[in-house]
């Protein structure tokens, strides 16, 4: 008797929009938040958390 293999759950990767706030939790983890209110709860769990400016894809990098 064979079993049907379940398909893995695939989630769409998070994208940065205009209201998005990027937060670096530690040296290798970055999360996207919708409000500064949620940043307070993350700051309690990760004391080293730092707010990073959101990346605007319309801006050209400085050469």
PDB file of N, CA and C in Angstrom:
ATOM      1  N   UNK A   1       0.838  -1.165   0.000  1.00  0.00           N
ATOM      2  CA  UNK A   1       0.000   0.000   0.000  1.00  0.00           C
ATOM      3  C   UNK A   1       0.889   1.237   0.000  1.00  0.00           C
ATOM      4  N   UNK A   2       0.709   2.081  -0.971  1.00  0.00           N
ATOM      5  CA  UNK A   2       1.541   3.271  -1.065  1.00  0.00           C
ATOM      6  C   UNK A   2       0.786   4.502  -0.530  1.00  0.00           C
ATOM      7  N   UNK A   3       1.545   5.437  -0.079  1.00  0.00           N
ATOM      8  CA  UNK A   3       0.970   6.665   0.460  1.00  0.00           C
ATOM      9  C   UNK A   3       1.219   7.814  -0.508  1.00  0.00           C
ATOM     10  N   UNK A   4       0.258   8.706  -0.561  1.00  0.00           N
ATOM     11  CA  UNK A   4       0.394   9.875  -1.416  1.00  0.00           C
ATOM     12  C   UNK A   4       1.309  10.892  -0.737  1.00  0.00           C
ATOM     13  N   UNK A   5       2.322  11.339  -1.446  1.00  0.00           N
ATOM     14  CA  UNK A   5       3.247  12.323  -0.900  1.00  0.00           C
ATOM     15  C   UNK A   5       2.582  13.701  -0.893  1.00  0.00           C
ATOM     16  N   UNK A   6       2.621  14.367   0.264  1.00  0.00           N
ATOM     17  CA  UNK A   6       2.009  15.686   0.373  1.00  0.00           C
ATOM     18  C   UNK A   6       2.881  16.723  -0.327  1.00  0.00           C
ATOM     19  N   UNK A   7       2.245  17.659  -0.998  1.00  0.00           N
ATOM     20  CA  UNK A   7       2.974  18.757  -1.613  1.00  0.00           C
ATOM     21  C   UNK A   7       3.410  19.732  -0.523  1.00  0.00           C
ATOM     22  N   UNK A   8       4.607  20.281  -0.629  1.00  0.00           N
ATOM     23  CA  UNK A   8       5.060  21.234   0.385  1.00  0.00           C
ATOM     24  C   UNK A   8       4.271  22.541   0.292  1.00  0.00           C
ATOM     25  N   UNK A   9       4.100  23.194   1.437  1.00  0.00           N
ATOM     26  CA  UNK A   9       3.423  24.482   1.452  1.00  0.00           C
ATOM     27  C   UNK A   9       4.411  25.548   0.998  1.00  0.00           C
ATOM     28  N   UNK A  10       4.053  26.258  -0.041  1.00  0.00           N
ATOM     29  CA  UNK A  10       4.915  27.306  -0.548  1.00  0.00           C
ATOM     30  C   UNK A  10       4.287  28.655  -0.244  1.00  0.00           C
ATOM     31  N   UNK A  11       5.057  29.516   0.374  1.00  0.00           N
ATOM     32  CA  UNK A  11       4.571  30.841   0.703  1.00  0.00           C
ATOM     33  C   UNK A  11       5.241  31.869  -0.187  1.00  0.00           C
ATOM     34  N   UNK A  12       4.503  32.884  -0.508  1.00  0.00           N
ATOM     35  CA  UNK A  12       5.040  33.969  -1.312  1.00  0.00           C
ATOM     36  C   UNK A  12       6.032  34.754  -0.461  1.00  0.00           C
ATOM     37  N   UNK A  13       7.211  35.064  -0.972  1.00  0.00           N
ATOM     38  CA  UNK A  13       8.182  35.810  -0.162  1.00  0.00           C
ATOM     39  C   UNK A  13       7.662  37.212   0.140  1.00  0.00           C
ATOM     40  N   UNK A  14       8.019  37.707   1.306  1.00  0.00           N
ATOM     41  CA  UNK A  14       7.580  39.037   1.713  1.00  0.00           C
ATOM     42  C   UNK A  14       8.252  40.087   0.836  1.00  0.00           C
ATOM     43  N   UNK A  15       7.486  41.077   0.442  1.00  0.00           N
ATOM     44  CA  UNK A  15       8.025  42.165  -0.363  1.00  0.00           C
ATOM     45  C   UNK A  15       7.878  43.471   0.399  1.00  0.00           C
ATOM     46  N   UNK A  16       8.803  44.355   0.208  1.00  0.00           N
ATOM     47  CA  UNK A  16       8.785  45.648   0.884  1.00  0.00           C
ATOM     48  C   UNK A  16       7.906  46.612   0.102  1.00  0.00           C
ATOM     49  N   UNK A  17       6.883  47.144   0.768  1.00  0.00           N
ATOM     50  CA  UNK A  17       6.059  48.162   0.142  1.00  0.00           C
ATOM     51  C   UNK A  17       6.364  49.505   0.807  1.00  0.00           C
ATOM     52  N   UNK A  18       5.621  50.539   0.467  1.00  0.00           N
ATOM     53  CA  UNK A  18       5.914  51.885   0.975  1.00  0.00           C
ATOM     54  C   UNK A  18       5.752  51.984   2.484  1.00  0.00           C
ATOM     55  N   UNK A  19       4.809  51.241   3.069  1.00  0.00           N
ATOM     56  CA  UNK A  19       4.550  51.328   4.501  1.00  0.00           C
ATOM     57  C   UNK A  19       5.408  50.362   5.311  1.00  0.00           C
ATOM     58  N   UNK A  20       6.194  49.565   4.663  1.00  0.00           N
ATOM     59  CA  UNK A  20       6.969  48.523   5.316  1.00  0.00           C
ATOM     60  C   UNK A  20       8.135  49.098   6.121  1.00  0.00           C
ATOM     61  N   UNK A  21       8.404  48.486   7.274  1.00  0.00           N
ATOM     62  CA  UNK A  21       9.531  48.859   8.115  1.00  0.00           C
ATOM     63  C   UNK A  21      10.447  47.649   8.214  1.00  0.00           C
ATOM     64  N   UNK A  22      11.708  47.818   7.823  1.00  0.00           N
ATOM     65  CA  UNK A  22      12.665  46.714   7.919  1.00  0.00           C
ATOM     66  C   UNK A  22      13.369  46.799   9.259  1.00  0.00           C
ATOM     67  N   UNK A  23      13.467  45.643   9.930  1.00  0.00           N
ATOM     68  CA  UNK A  23      14.098  45.579  11.241  1.00  0.00           C
ATOM     69  C   UNK A  23      15.130  44.461  11.231  1.00  0.00           C
ATOM     70  N   UNK A  24      16.358  44.773  11.648  1.00  0.00           N
ATOM     71  CA  UNK A  24      17.400  43.769  11.784  1.00  0.00           C
ATOM     72  C   UNK A  24      17.370  43.274  13.217  1.00  0.00           C
ATOM     73  N   UNK A  25      17.026  41.975  13.401  1.00  0.00           N
ATOM     74  CA  UNK A  25      16.938  41.397  14.733  1.00  0.00           C
ATOM     75  C   UNK A  25      18.297  41.000  15.271  1.00  0.00           C
ATOM     76  N   UNK A  26      19.090  40.386  14.431  1.00  0.00           N
ATOM     77  CA  UNK A  26      20.464  40.036  14.795  1.00  0.00           C
ATOM     78  C   UNK A  26      21.306  40.138  13.532  1.00  0.00           C
ATOM     79  N   UNK A  27      22.517  39.640  13.565  1.00  0.00           N
ATOM     80  CA  UNK A  27      23.419  39.845  12.440  1.00  0.00           C
ATOM     81  C   UNK A  27      22.974  39.176  11.143  1.00  0.00           C
ATOM     82  N   UNK A  28      22.040  38.231  11.204  1.00  0.00           N
ATOM     83  CA  UNK A  28      21.633  37.564   9.969  1.00  0.00           C
ATOM     84  C   UNK A  28      20.131  37.511   9.745  1.00  0.00           C
ATOM     85  N   UNK A  29      19.327  38.125  10.613  1.00  0.00           N
ATOM     86  CA  UNK A  29      17.873  38.051  10.484  1.00  0.00           C
ATOM     87  C   UNK A  29      17.271  39.434  10.298  1.00  0.00           C
ATOM     88  N   UNK A  30      16.513  39.593   9.201  1.00  0.00           N
ATOM     89  CA  UNK A  30      15.794  40.834   8.932  1.00  0.00           C
ATOM     90  C   UNK A  30      14.323  40.479   8.764  1.00  0.00           C
ATOM     91  N   UNK A  31      13.445  41.237   9.435  1.00  0.00           N
ATOM     92  CA  UNK A  31      12.007  41.023   9.314  1.00  0.00           C
ATOM     93  C   UNK A  31      11.355  42.296   8.781  1.00  0.00           C
ATOM     94  N   UNK A  32      10.196  42.127   8.156  1.00  0.00           N
ATOM     95  CA  UNK A  32       9.420  43.248   7.647  1.00  0.00           C
ATOM     96  C   UNK A  32       8.206  43.434   8.548  1.00  0.00           C
ATOM     97  N   UNK A  33       8.010  44.658   9.041  1.00  0.00           N
ATOM     98  CA  UNK A  33       6.903  44.957   9.942  1.00  0.00           C
ATOM     99  C   UNK A  33       5.973  45.982   9.314  1.00  0.00           C
ATOM    100  N   UNK A  34       4.721  45.942   9.731  1.00  0.00           N
ATOM    101  CA  UNK A  34       3.730  46.885   9.219  1.00  0.00           C
ATOM    102  C   UNK A  34       3.613  48.139  10.075  1.00  0.00           C
ATOM    103  N   UNK A  35       3.993  48.070  11.356  1.00  0.00           N
ATOM    104  CA  UNK A  35       3.838  49.243  12.214  1.00  0.00           C
ATOM    105  C   UNK A  35       4.917  49.259  13.286  1.00  0.00           C
ATOM    106  N   UNK A  36       5.132  50.429  13.858  1.00  0.00           N
ATOM    107  CA  UNK A  36       6.098  50.565  14.941  1.00  0.00           C
ATOM    108  C   UNK A  36       5.572  49.936  16.223  1.00  0.00           C
ATOM    109  N   UNK A  37       4.274  49.750  16.329  1.00  0.00           N
ATOM    110  CA  UNK A  37       3.705  49.097  17.508  1.00  0.00           C
ATOM    111  C   UNK A  37       4.192  47.650  17.596  1.00  0.00           C
ATOM    112  N   UNK A  38       4.282  46.978  16.475  1.00  0.00           N
ATOM    113  CA  UNK A  38       4.791  45.607  16.479  1.00  0.00           C
ATOM    114  C   UNK A  38       6.295  45.573  16.746  1.00  0.00           C
ATOM    115  N   UNK A  39       6.994  46.669  16.417  1.00  0.00           N
ATOM    116  CA  UNK A  39       8.433  46.726  16.692  1.00  0.00           C
ATOM    117  C   UNK A  39       8.698  46.673  18.195  1.00  0.00           C
ATOM    118  N   UNK A  40       7.819  47.266  18.982  1.00  0.00           N
ATOM    119  CA  UNK A  40       7.989  47.237  20.440  1.00  0.00           C
ATOM    120  C   UNK A  40       8.007  45.814  20.979  1.00  0.00           C
ATOM    121  N   UNK A  41       7.134  44.966  20.467  1.00  0.00           N
ATOM    122  CA  UNK A  41       7.104  43.579  20.935  1.00  0.00           C
ATOM    123  C   UNK A  41       8.346  42.809  20.481  1.00  0.00           C
ATOM    124  N   UNK A  42       8.832  43.092  19.261  1.00  0.00           N
ATOM    125  CA  UNK A  42      10.058  42.456  18.789  1.00  0.00           C
ATOM    126  C   UNK A  42      11.258  42.920  19.606  1.00  0.00           C
ATOM    127  N   UNK A  43      11.245  44.190  19.997  1.00  0.00           N
ATOM    128  CA  UNK A  43      12.361  44.749  20.762  1.00  0.00           C
ATOM    129  C   UNK A  43      12.475  44.084  22.135  1.00  0.00           C
ATOM    130  N   UNK A  44      11.348  43.662  22.707  1.00  0.00           N
ATOM    131  CA  UNK A  44      11.381  42.957  23.985  1.00  0.00           C
ATOM    132  C   UNK A  44      12.079  41.604  23.850  1.00  0.00           C
ATOM    133  N   UNK A  45      11.816  40.914  22.740  1.00  0.00           N
ATOM    134  CA  UNK A  45      12.415  39.594  22.522  1.00  0.00           C
ATOM    135  C   UNK A  45      13.836  39.665  21.992  1.00  0.00           C
ATOM    136  N   UNK A  46      14.128  40.720  21.208  1.00  0.00           N
ATOM    137  CA  UNK A  46      15.456  40.900  20.615  1.00  0.00           C
ATOM    138  C   UNK A  46      15.962  42.293  20.987  1.00  0.00           C
ATOM    139  N   UNK A  47      16.689  42.417  22.100  1.00  0.00           N
ATOM    140  CA  UNK A  47      17.146  43.734  22.555  1.00  0.00           C
ATOM    141  C   UNK A  47      18.076  44.447  21.557  1.00  0.00           C
ATOM    142  N   UNK A  48      18.740  43.706  20.686  1.00  0.00           N
ATOM    143  CA  UNK A  48      19.654  44.313  19.715  1.00  0.00           C
ATOM    144  C   UNK A  48      18.957  44.720  18.415  1.00  0.00           C
ATOM    145  N   UNK A  49      17.635  44.668  18.375  1.00  0.00           N
ATOM    146  CA  UNK A  49      16.894  44.989  17.157  1.00  0.00           C
ATOM    147  C   UNK A  49      17.103  46.448  16.763  1.00  0.00           C
ATOM    148  N   UNK A  50      17.286  46.668  15.436  1.00  0.00           N
ATOM    149  CA  UNK A  50      17.538  48.001  14.899  1.00  0.00           C
ATOM    150  C   UNK A  50      16.638  48.224  13.700  1.00  0.00           C
ATOM    151  N   UNK A  51      16.045  49.412  13.597  1.00  0.00           N
ATOM    152  CA  UNK A  51      15.217  49.753  12.445  1.00  0.00           C
ATOM    153  C   UNK A  51      16.127  50.150  11.295  1.00  0.00           C
ATOM    154  N   UNK A  52      15.855  49.579  10.117  1.00  0.00           N
ATOM    155  CA  UNK A  52      16.614  49.873   8.906  1.00  0.00           C
ATOM    156  C   UNK A  52      15.673  50.609   7.951  1.00  0.00           C
ATOM    157  N   UNK A  53      16.197  51.551   7.223  1.00  0.00           N
ATOM    158  CA  UNK A  53      15.379  52.262   6.237  1.00  0.00           C
ATOM    159  C   UNK A  53      14.877  51.283   5.184  1.00  0.00           C
ATOM    160  N   UNK A  54      13.607  51.394   4.776  1.00  0.00           N
ATOM    161  CA  UNK A  54      13.107  50.499   3.728  1.00  0.00           C
ATOM    162  C   UNK A  54      13.803  50.781   2.397  1.00  0.00           C
ATOM    163  N   UNK A  55      14.090  49.727   1.672  1.00  0.00           N
ATOM    164  CA  UNK A  55      14.746  49.871   0.369  1.00  0.00           C
ATOM    165  C   UNK A  55      13.716  50.283  -0.667  1.00  0.00           C
ATOM    166  N   UNK A  56      13.960  51.391  -1.327  1.00  0.00           N
ATOM    167  CA  UNK A  56      13.044  51.883  -2.360  1.00  0.00           C
ATOM    168  C   UNK A  56      13.586  51.446  -3.714  1.00  0.00           C
ATOM    169  N   UNK A  57      12.883  50.527  -4.403  1.00  0.00           N
ATOM    170  CA  UNK A  57      13.411  50.018  -5.681  1.00  0.00           C
ATOM    171  C   UNK A  57      13.453  51.082  -6.770  1.00  0.00           C
ATOM    172  N   UNK A  58      12.718  52.194  -6.609  1.00  0.00           N
ATOM    173  CA  UNK A  58      12.714  53.245  -7.638  1.00  0.00           C
ATOM    174  C   UNK A  58      13.966  54.101  -7.588  1.00  0.00           C
ATOM    175  N   UNK A  59      14.665  54.130  -6.450  1.00  0.00           N
ATOM    176  CA  UNK A  59      15.872  54.923  -6.338  1.00  0.00           C
ATOM    177  C   UNK A  59      17.040  54.182  -6.978  1.00  0.00           C
ATOM    178  N   UNK A  60      17.883  54.915  -7.646  1.00  0.00           N
ATOM    179  CA  UNK A  60      19.072  54.322  -8.264  1.00  0.00           C
ATOM    180  C   UNK A  60      20.208  54.374  -7.259  1.00  0.00           C
ATOM    181  N   UNK A  61      21.034  53.334  -7.190  1.00  0.00           N
ATOM    182  CA  UNK A  61      22.170  53.368  -6.253  1.00  0.00           C
ATOM    183  C   UNK A  61      23.175  54.444  -6.653  1.00  0.00           C
ATOM    184  N   UNK A  62      23.771  55.049  -5.630  1.00  0.00           N
ATOM    185  CA  UNK A  62      24.778  56.082  -5.884  1.00  0.00           C
ATOM    186  C   UNK A  62      26.076  55.426  -6.331  1.00  0.00           C
ATOM    187  N   UNK A  63      26.677  55.983  -7.362  1.00  0.00           N
ATOM    188  CA  UNK A  63      27.914  55.395  -7.884  1.00  0.00           C
ATOM    189  C   UNK A  63      29.132  56.094  -7.341  1.00  0.00           C
TER     190      UNK A  63
END
